[in-house]
Amino acid sequence: MPKVYLDGTLIVNSAAMLAVIEMYLDDHIAASRAEPGCEKFEAFPDANNPYHYVVSEIFSSEEAFAIHQARAAASEWGQATEALERRFTKRVE
């Protein structure tokens, strides 16, 4: 079964949003890593730009990834950060 890889950057648009990210990110990472099919989930500040967060995910299948996306969108994290720009590339291999 092909895996889903997602890589990219979350663009933070203000200092106030940085505080929101810091409030919710650890719980979002923990919840994502606990999901069935999550093989890798990383999100951390870019060393060169504190307003960019590097994101890297691997899920075991399209189904596991879709479940993750739905859970994340409905979560406090998803609601608090829905307006942020996400520059992600998804590939299935």
C-alpha atoms as a PDB file:
ATOM      1  CA  MET A   1       0.000   0.000   0.000  1.00  0.00           C
ATOM      2  CA  PRO A   2       1.431   3.411  -0.943  1.00  0.00           C
ATOM      3  CA  LYS A   3       2.417   5.800   1.829  1.00  0.00           C
ATOM      4  CA  VAL A   4       1.516   9.486   1.976  1.00  0.00           C
ATOM      5  CA  TYR A   5       4.312  12.017   2.478  1.00  0.00           C
ATOM      6  CA  LEU A   6       3.596  15.646   3.303  1.00  0.00           C
ATOM      7  CA  ASP A   7       6.371  18.229   3.551  1.00  0.00           C
ATOM      8  CA  GLY A   8       6.388  21.981   3.627  1.00  0.00           C
ATOM      9  CA  THR A   9       6.050  25.168   5.598  1.00  0.00           C
ATOM     10  CA  LEU A  10       3.367  26.673   7.803  1.00  0.00           C
ATOM     11  CA  ILE A  11       3.530  30.463   7.444  1.00  0.00           C
ATOM     12  CA  VAL A  12       2.787  32.379  10.644  1.00  0.00           C
ATOM     13  CA  ASN A  13       1.473  35.882   9.972  1.00  0.00           C
ATOM     14  CA  SER A  14       1.898  37.683  13.313  1.00  0.00           C
ATOM     15  CA  ALA A  15       3.461  37.597  16.752  1.00  0.00           C
ATOM     16  CA  ALA A  16      -0.008  36.966  18.186  1.00  0.00           C
ATOM     17  CA  MET A  17      -0.360  33.878  15.988  1.00  0.00           C
ATOM     18  CA  LEU A  18       3.047  32.656  17.171  1.00  0.00           C
ATOM     19  CA  ALA A  19       1.553  32.585  20.675  1.00  0.00           C
ATOM     20  CA  VAL A  20      -1.406  30.565  19.383  1.00  0.00           C
ATOM     21  CA  ILE A  21       0.953  28.100  17.692  1.00  0.00           C
ATOM     22  CA  GLU A  22       2.928  27.703  20.912  1.00  0.00           C
ATOM     23  CA  MET A  23      -0.288  27.118  22.859  1.00  0.00           C
ATOM     24  CA  TYR A  24      -1.600  24.306  20.633  1.00  0.00           C
ATOM     25  CA  LEU A  25       1.333  22.761  18.747  1.00  0.00           C
ATOM     26  CA  ASP A  26       2.577  20.249  21.331  1.00  0.00           C
ATOM     27  CA  ASP A  27      -0.912  18.770  21.773  1.00  0.00           C
ATOM     28  CA  HIS A  28      -1.419  18.681  17.997  1.00  0.00           C
ATOM     29  CA  ILE A  29       1.858  16.830  17.504  1.00  0.00           C
ATOM     30  CA  ALA A  30       1.051  14.315  20.261  1.00  0.00           C
ATOM     31  CA  ALA A  31      -2.458  13.678  18.931  1.00  0.00           C
ATOM     32  CA  SER A  32      -1.149  13.271  15.377  1.00  0.00           C
ATOM     33  CA  ARG A  33       1.591  10.844  16.392  1.00  0.00           C
ATOM     34  CA  ALA A  34      -0.975   8.753  18.320  1.00  0.00           C
ATOM     35  CA  GLU A  35      -3.175   8.266  15.250  1.00  0.00           C
ATOM     36  CA  PRO A  36      -3.242   4.848  13.589  1.00  0.00           C
ATOM     37  CA  GLY A  37      -1.102   4.963  10.475  1.00  0.00           C
ATOM     38  CA  CYS A  38       1.062   7.906  11.525  1.00  0.00           C
ATOM     39  CA  GLU A  39       4.679   6.923  10.899  1.00  0.00           C
ATOM     40  CA  LYS A  40       6.224  10.381  11.275  1.00  0.00           C
ATOM     41  CA  PHE A  41       4.935  13.767  12.355  1.00  0.00           C
ATOM     42  CA  GLU A  42       7.238  16.727  12.889  1.00  0.00           C
ATOM     43  CA  ALA A  43       6.523  20.447  13.113  1.00  0.00           C
ATOM     44  CA  PHE A  44       9.112  22.899  14.407  1.00  0.00           C
ATOM     45  CA  PRO A  45      10.256  26.493  13.896  1.00  0.00           C
ATOM     46  CA  ASP A  46      12.541  27.091  10.930  1.00  0.00           C
ATOM     47  CA  ALA A  47      16.002  27.990  12.241  1.00  0.00           C
ATOM     48  CA  ASN A  48      16.218  30.825   9.700  1.00  0.00           C
ATOM     49  CA  ASN A  49      12.746  32.324  10.173  1.00  0.00           C
ATOM     50  CA  PRO A  50      10.714  32.081  13.405  1.00  0.00           C
ATOM     51  CA  TYR A  51       7.540  32.874  11.433  1.00  0.00           C
ATOM     52  CA  HIS A  52       7.920  29.668   9.419  1.00  0.00           C
ATOM     53  CA  TYR A  53       7.331  26.176  10.797  1.00  0.00           C
ATOM     54  CA  VAL A  54       8.791  23.168   9.007  1.00  0.00           C
ATOM     55  CA  VAL A  55       6.309  20.305   8.673  1.00  0.00           C
ATOM     56  CA  SER A  56       7.074  16.704   7.719  1.00  0.00           C
ATOM     57  CA  GLU A  57       4.580  13.853   7.886  1.00  0.00           C
ATOM     58  CA  ILE A  58       4.373  10.237   6.767  1.00  0.00           C
ATOM     59  CA  PHE A  59       1.165   8.203   6.910  1.00  0.00           C
ATOM     60  CA  SER A  60       0.836   4.536   6.027  1.00  0.00           C
ATOM     61  CA  SER A  61      -2.064   5.070   3.592  1.00  0.00           C
ATOM     62  CA  GLU A  62      -4.367   7.619   1.957  1.00  0.00           C
ATOM     63  CA  GLU A  63      -7.077   6.508   4.391  1.00  0.00           C
ATOM     64  CA  ALA A  64      -4.895   7.155   7.459  1.00  0.00           C
ATOM     65  CA  PHE A  65      -3.915  10.542   6.046  1.00  0.00           C
ATOM     66  CA  ALA A  66      -7.551  11.488   5.332  1.00  0.00           C
ATOM     67  CA  ILE A  67      -8.543  10.546   8.886  1.00  0.00           C
ATOM     68  CA  HIS A  68      -5.673  12.677  10.195  1.00  0.00           C
ATOM     69  CA  GLN A  69      -6.714  15.647   8.066  1.00  0.00           C
ATOM     70  CA  ALA A  70     -10.316  15.438   9.293  1.00  0.00           C
ATOM     71  CA  ARG A  71      -9.286  15.117  12.931  1.00  0.00           C
ATOM     72  CA  ALA A  72      -6.791  17.957  12.690  1.00  0.00           C
ATOM     73  CA  ALA A  73      -9.283  20.299  10.983  1.00  0.00           C
ATOM     74  CA  ALA A  74     -11.896  19.676  13.680  1.00  0.00           C
ATOM     75  CA  SER A  75      -9.439  20.075  16.564  1.00  0.00           C
ATOM     76  CA  GLU A  76      -8.677  23.227  18.563  1.00  0.00           C
ATOM     77  CA  TRP A  77      -5.416  23.403  16.601  1.00  0.00           C
ATOM     78  CA  GLY A  78      -7.227  23.269  13.280  1.00  0.00           C
ATOM     79  CA  GLN A  79      -9.758  25.894  14.240  1.00  0.00           C
ATOM     80  CA  ALA A  80      -7.161  28.251  15.767  1.00  0.00           C
ATOM     81  CA  THR A  81      -4.811  28.028  12.765  1.00  0.00           C
ATOM     82  CA  GLU A  82      -7.197  27.607   9.833  1.00  0.00           C
ATOM     83  CA  ALA A  83      -6.358  31.043   8.392  1.00  0.00           C
ATOM     84  CA  LEU A  84      -2.614  30.401   8.208  1.00  0.00           C
ATOM     85  CA  GLU A  85      -0.949  29.805   4.870  1.00  0.00           C
ATOM     86  CA  ARG A  86       0.225  26.251   4.355  1.00  0.00           C
ATOM     87  CA  ARG A  87       2.802  25.615   1.626  1.00  0.00           C
ATOM     88  CA  PHE A  88       2.779  21.837   1.575  1.00  0.00           C
ATOM     89  CA  THR A  89       3.652  19.236  -1.009  1.00  0.00           C
ATOM     90  CA  LYS A  90       1.927  15.884  -0.815  1.00  0.00           C
ATOM     91  CA  ARG A  91       3.179  12.805  -2.595  1.00  0.00           C
ATOM     92  CA  VAL A  92       2.044   9.183  -2.576  1.00  0.00           C
ATOM     93  CA  GLU A  93       4.600   6.422  -3.072  1.00  0.00           C
END
